[in-house]
Amino acid sequence: MIRVRPERFPPGTLRKLHAKGIGPFRIITKISPNAYTLELPDDYGVSNTFNISDLVAYKEPVEIPSEPFEPESPPLVSEPLPECPQPVLRKLVSRLKKLLMIKLLTLGINNIGNILYIGKTKVKRR
């Protein structure tokens, strides 16, 4: 495929919507390590010699299925999933509480009963 440079478009046109490349075309000959001759249609009206920086490898277009996609249902599991033991959950919850308290203390906020401490200032709750 040939990469089309933005300078090639007419002035005043919206370049975002223009095609970025045209092709695919067959390579006829290799002129030098960075120049190739391509087989172009006659109605293009441009030289058929291109620099390698203007050539892009052709990728097959993605095929979109005409039928709607119906996902298969997952297989049913007859065995129940193992439950997490309660002591593990309690330990996890207490650890999360400790981490939250440490985070609040580093921010300077501490809540004890009805009294809210912000830094060293004591504020009564209503």
C-alpha atoms as a PDB file:
ATOM      1  CA  MET A   1       0.000   0.000   0.000  1.00  0.00           C
ATOM      2  CA  ILE A   2       1.102   3.555  -0.589  1.00  0.00           C
ATOM      3  CA  ARG A   3       0.945   6.057   2.271  1.00  0.00           C
ATOM      4  CA  VAL A   4      -0.666   9.274   1.078  1.00  0.00           C
ATOM      5  CA  ARG A   5       0.958  12.404   2.513  1.00  0.00           C
ATOM      6  CA  PRO A   6      -1.316  15.182   3.817  1.00  0.00           C
ATOM      7  CA  GLU A   7       0.349  17.714   1.471  1.00  0.00           C
ATOM      8  CA  ARG A   8      -1.154  15.843  -1.498  1.00  0.00           C
ATOM      9  CA  PHE A   9      -4.737  16.742  -0.538  1.00  0.00           C
ATOM     10  CA  PRO A  10      -6.361  19.924  -1.907  1.00  0.00           C
ATOM     11  CA  PRO A  11      -6.076  22.933   0.420  1.00  0.00           C
ATOM     12  CA  GLY A  12      -9.053  23.603   2.665  1.00  0.00           C
ATOM     13  CA  THR A  13     -10.203  19.989   2.862  1.00  0.00           C
ATOM     14  CA  LEU A  14     -10.600  18.102   6.098  1.00  0.00           C
ATOM     15  CA  ARG A  15      -7.582  15.811   6.187  1.00  0.00           C
ATOM     16  CA  LYS A  16      -8.722  13.721   9.156  1.00  0.00           C
ATOM     17  CA  LEU A  17     -11.318  11.945   7.056  1.00  0.00           C
ATOM     18  CA  HIS A  18      -9.147  11.268   4.010  1.00  0.00           C
ATOM     19  CA  ALA A  19      -7.744   7.813   3.368  1.00  0.00           C
ATOM     20  CA  LYS A  20      -4.297   7.280   4.853  1.00  0.00           C
ATOM     21  CA  GLY A  21      -3.231   4.835   2.178  1.00  0.00           C
ATOM     22  CA  ILE A  22      -4.211   3.487  -1.219  1.00  0.00           C
ATOM     23  CA  GLY A  23      -3.639   0.088  -2.669  1.00  0.00           C
ATOM     24  CA  PRO A  24      -2.550  -2.711  -2.473  1.00  0.00           C
ATOM     25  CA  PHE A  25      -0.235  -2.657  -5.480  1.00  0.00           C
ATOM     26  CA  ARG A  26       2.245  -5.214  -6.761  1.00  0.00           C
ATOM     27  CA  ILE A  27       5.964  -4.339  -6.627  1.00  0.00           C
ATOM     28  CA  ILE A  28       7.472  -4.641 -10.115  1.00  0.00           C
ATOM     29  CA  THR A  29      11.147  -3.873  -9.507  1.00  0.00           C
ATOM     30  CA  LYS A  30      13.496  -2.760  -6.789  1.00  0.00           C
ATOM     31  CA  ILE A  31      15.442   0.249  -8.079  1.00  0.00           C
ATOM     32  CA  SER A  32      17.628   0.794  -5.004  1.00  0.00           C
ATOM     33  CA  PRO A  33      17.517  -0.165  -1.316  1.00  0.00           C
ATOM     34  CA  ASN A  34      15.023   2.649  -0.703  1.00  0.00           C
ATOM     35  CA  ALA A  35      13.099   2.965  -4.019  1.00  0.00           C
ATOM     36  CA  TYR A  36      10.609   0.628  -5.685  1.00  0.00           C
ATOM     37  CA  THR A  37       8.546   0.629  -8.880  1.00  0.00           C
ATOM     38  CA  LEU A  38       4.899  -0.345  -8.369  1.00  0.00           C
ATOM     39  CA  GLU A  39       2.215  -1.492 -10.777  1.00  0.00           C
ATOM     40  CA  LEU A  40      -0.272   1.422 -10.709  1.00  0.00           C
ATOM     41  CA  PRO A  41      -3.420   1.923 -12.810  1.00  0.00           C
ATOM     42  CA  ASP A  42      -3.029   4.390 -15.698  1.00  0.00           C
ATOM     43  CA  ASP A  43      -5.699   6.764 -14.386  1.00  0.00           C
ATOM     44  CA  TYR A  44      -3.680   7.647 -11.249  1.00  0.00           C
ATOM     45  CA  GLY A  45      -1.502  10.086 -13.197  1.00  0.00           C
ATOM     46  CA  VAL A  46       1.523   9.828 -10.886  1.00  0.00           C
ATOM     47  CA  SER A  47       4.941   8.288 -11.227  1.00  0.00           C
ATOM     48  CA  ASN A  48       5.082   4.620 -10.340  1.00  0.00           C
ATOM     49  CA  THR A  49       8.413   4.996  -8.465  1.00  0.00           C
ATOM     50  CA  PHE A  50       8.106   5.392  -4.688  1.00  0.00           C
ATOM     51  CA  ASN A  51      10.446   5.804  -1.751  1.00  0.00           C
ATOM     52  CA  ILE A  52      10.300   2.994   0.782  1.00  0.00           C
ATOM     53  CA  SER A  53       9.147   5.469   3.476  1.00  0.00           C
ATOM     54  CA  ASP A  54       5.921   5.940   1.474  1.00  0.00           C
ATOM     55  CA  LEU A  55       5.171   2.205   1.317  1.00  0.00           C
ATOM     56  CA  VAL A  56       3.164   0.387   3.979  1.00  0.00           C
ATOM     57  CA  ALA A  57       2.799  -3.378   4.375  1.00  0.00           C
ATOM     58  CA  TYR A  58      -0.659  -4.544   3.291  1.00  0.00           C
ATOM     59  CA  LYS A  59      -2.870  -6.082   5.973  1.00  0.00           C
ATOM     60  CA  GLU A  60      -5.910  -8.130   5.061  1.00  0.00           C
ATOM     61  CA  PRO A  61      -9.166  -6.419   6.098  1.00  0.00           C
ATOM     62  CA  VAL A  62     -10.893  -7.873   9.129  1.00  0.00           C
ATOM     63  CA  GLU A  63     -13.841 -10.017   8.150  1.00  0.00           C
ATOM     64  CA  ILE A  64     -17.060  -9.004   9.905  1.00  0.00           C
ATOM     65  CA  PRO A  65     -19.481 -11.921  10.268  1.00  0.00           C
ATOM     66  CA  SER A  66     -22.934 -11.428   8.761  1.00  0.00           C
ATOM     67  CA  GLU A  67     -24.611 -13.542  11.439  1.00  0.00           C
ATOM     68  CA  PRO A  68     -25.003 -12.027  14.921  1.00  0.00           C
ATOM     69  CA  PHE A  69     -22.617 -13.346  17.518  1.00  0.00           C
ATOM     70  CA  GLU A  70     -24.176 -15.681  20.049  1.00  0.00           C
ATOM     71  CA  PRO A  71     -21.822 -16.514  22.900  1.00  0.00           C
ATOM     72  CA  GLU A  72     -21.895 -20.033  24.207  1.00  0.00           C
ATOM     73  CA  SER A  73     -23.170 -20.408  27.739  1.00  0.00           C
ATOM     74  CA  PRO A  74     -20.473 -21.454  30.202  1.00  0.00           C
ATOM     75  CA  PRO A  75     -20.587 -25.068  31.336  1.00  0.00           C
ATOM     76  CA  LEU A  76     -22.606 -25.636  34.488  1.00  0.00           C
ATOM     77  CA  VAL A  77     -20.576 -26.674  37.493  1.00  0.00           C
ATOM     78  CA  SER A  78     -22.281 -29.295  39.621  1.00  0.00           C
ATOM     79  CA  GLU A  79     -19.923 -28.791  42.571  1.00  0.00           C
ATOM     80  CA  PRO A  80     -20.369 -25.714  44.759  1.00  0.00           C
ATOM     81  CA  LEU A  81     -17.474 -23.301  44.917  1.00  0.00           C
ATOM     82  CA  PRO A  82     -15.338 -23.588  48.047  1.00  0.00           C
ATOM     83  CA  GLU A  83     -16.123 -20.896  50.597  1.00  0.00           C
ATOM     84  CA  CYS A  84     -13.479 -18.810  52.246  1.00  0.00           C
ATOM     85  CA  PRO A  85     -13.065 -19.825  55.919  1.00  0.00           C
ATOM     86  CA  GLN A  86     -14.369 -17.283  58.466  1.00  0.00           C
ATOM     87  CA  PRO A  87     -11.058 -16.767  60.339  1.00  0.00           C
ATOM     88  CA  VAL A  88      -9.397 -15.737  57.075  1.00  0.00           C
ATOM     89  CA  LEU A  89     -12.175 -13.218  56.374  1.00  0.00           C
ATOM     90  CA  ARG A  90     -11.983 -11.802  59.916  1.00  0.00           C
ATOM     91  CA  LYS A  91      -8.230 -11.418  59.623  1.00  0.00           C
ATOM     92  CA  LEU A  92      -8.586  -9.679  56.250  1.00  0.00           C
ATOM     93  CA  VAL A  93     -11.252  -7.283  57.575  1.00  0.00           C
ATOM     94  CA  SER A  94      -9.195  -6.396  60.653  1.00  0.00           C
ATOM     95  CA  ARG A  95      -6.118  -5.819  58.500  1.00  0.00           C
ATOM     96  CA  LEU A  96      -8.090  -3.521  56.182  1.00  0.00           C
ATOM     97  CA  LYS A  97      -9.404  -1.586  59.212  1.00  0.00           C
ATOM     98  CA  LYS A  98      -5.848  -1.143  60.502  1.00  0.00           C
ATOM     99  CA  LEU A  99      -4.627   0.071  57.111  1.00  0.00           C
ATOM    100  CA  LEU A 100      -7.510   2.545  56.902  1.00  0.00           C
ATOM    101  CA  MET A 101      -6.807   3.831  60.421  1.00  0.00           C
ATOM    102  CA  ILE A 102      -3.110   4.271  59.589  1.00  0.00           C
ATOM    103  CA  LYS A 103      -4.059   6.204  56.458  1.00  0.00           C
ATOM    104  CA  LEU A 104      -6.435   8.447  58.425  1.00  0.00           C
ATOM    105  CA  LEU A 105      -3.810   9.069  61.105  1.00  0.00           C
ATOM    106  CA  THR A 106      -1.227  10.059  58.505  1.00  0.00           C
ATOM    107  CA  LEU A 107      -3.758  12.576  57.187  1.00  0.00           C
ATOM    108  CA  GLY A 108      -4.233  13.887  60.755  1.00  0.00           C
ATOM    109  CA  ILE A 109      -7.802  12.682  61.256  1.00  0.00           C
ATOM    110  CA  ASN A 110      -8.831  10.532  64.225  1.00  0.00           C
ATOM    111  CA  ASN A 111     -12.384   9.659  65.276  1.00  0.00           C
ATOM    112  CA  ILE A 112     -12.916   8.457  68.856  1.00  0.00           C
ATOM    113  CA  GLY A 113     -16.535   8.077  69.981  1.00  0.00           C
ATOM    114  CA  ASN A 114     -18.416  11.365  69.610  1.00  0.00           C
ATOM    115  CA  ILE A 115     -15.251  13.470  69.555  1.00  0.00           C
ATOM    116  CA  LEU A 116     -13.517  14.117  66.259  1.00  0.00           C
ATOM    117  CA  TYR A 117      -9.840  14.998  66.405  1.00  0.00           C
ATOM    118  CA  ILE A 118      -8.385  16.808  63.407  1.00  0.00           C
ATOM    119  CA  GLY A 119      -4.677  17.072  64.001  1.00  0.00           C
ATOM    120  CA  LYS A 120      -4.459  18.331  67.606  1.00  0.00           C
ATOM    121  CA  THR A 121      -7.769  20.262  67.471  1.00  0.00           C
ATOM    122  CA  LYS A 122     -10.741  18.739  69.296  1.00  0.00           C
ATOM    123  CA  VAL A 123     -14.163  19.218  67.628  1.00  0.00           C
ATOM    124  CA  LYS A 124     -17.425  18.023  69.239  1.00  0.00           C
ATOM    125  CA  ARG A 125     -19.900  16.178  67.027  1.00  0.00           C
ATOM    126  CA  ARG A 126     -23.494  17.367  66.942  1.00  0.00           C
END
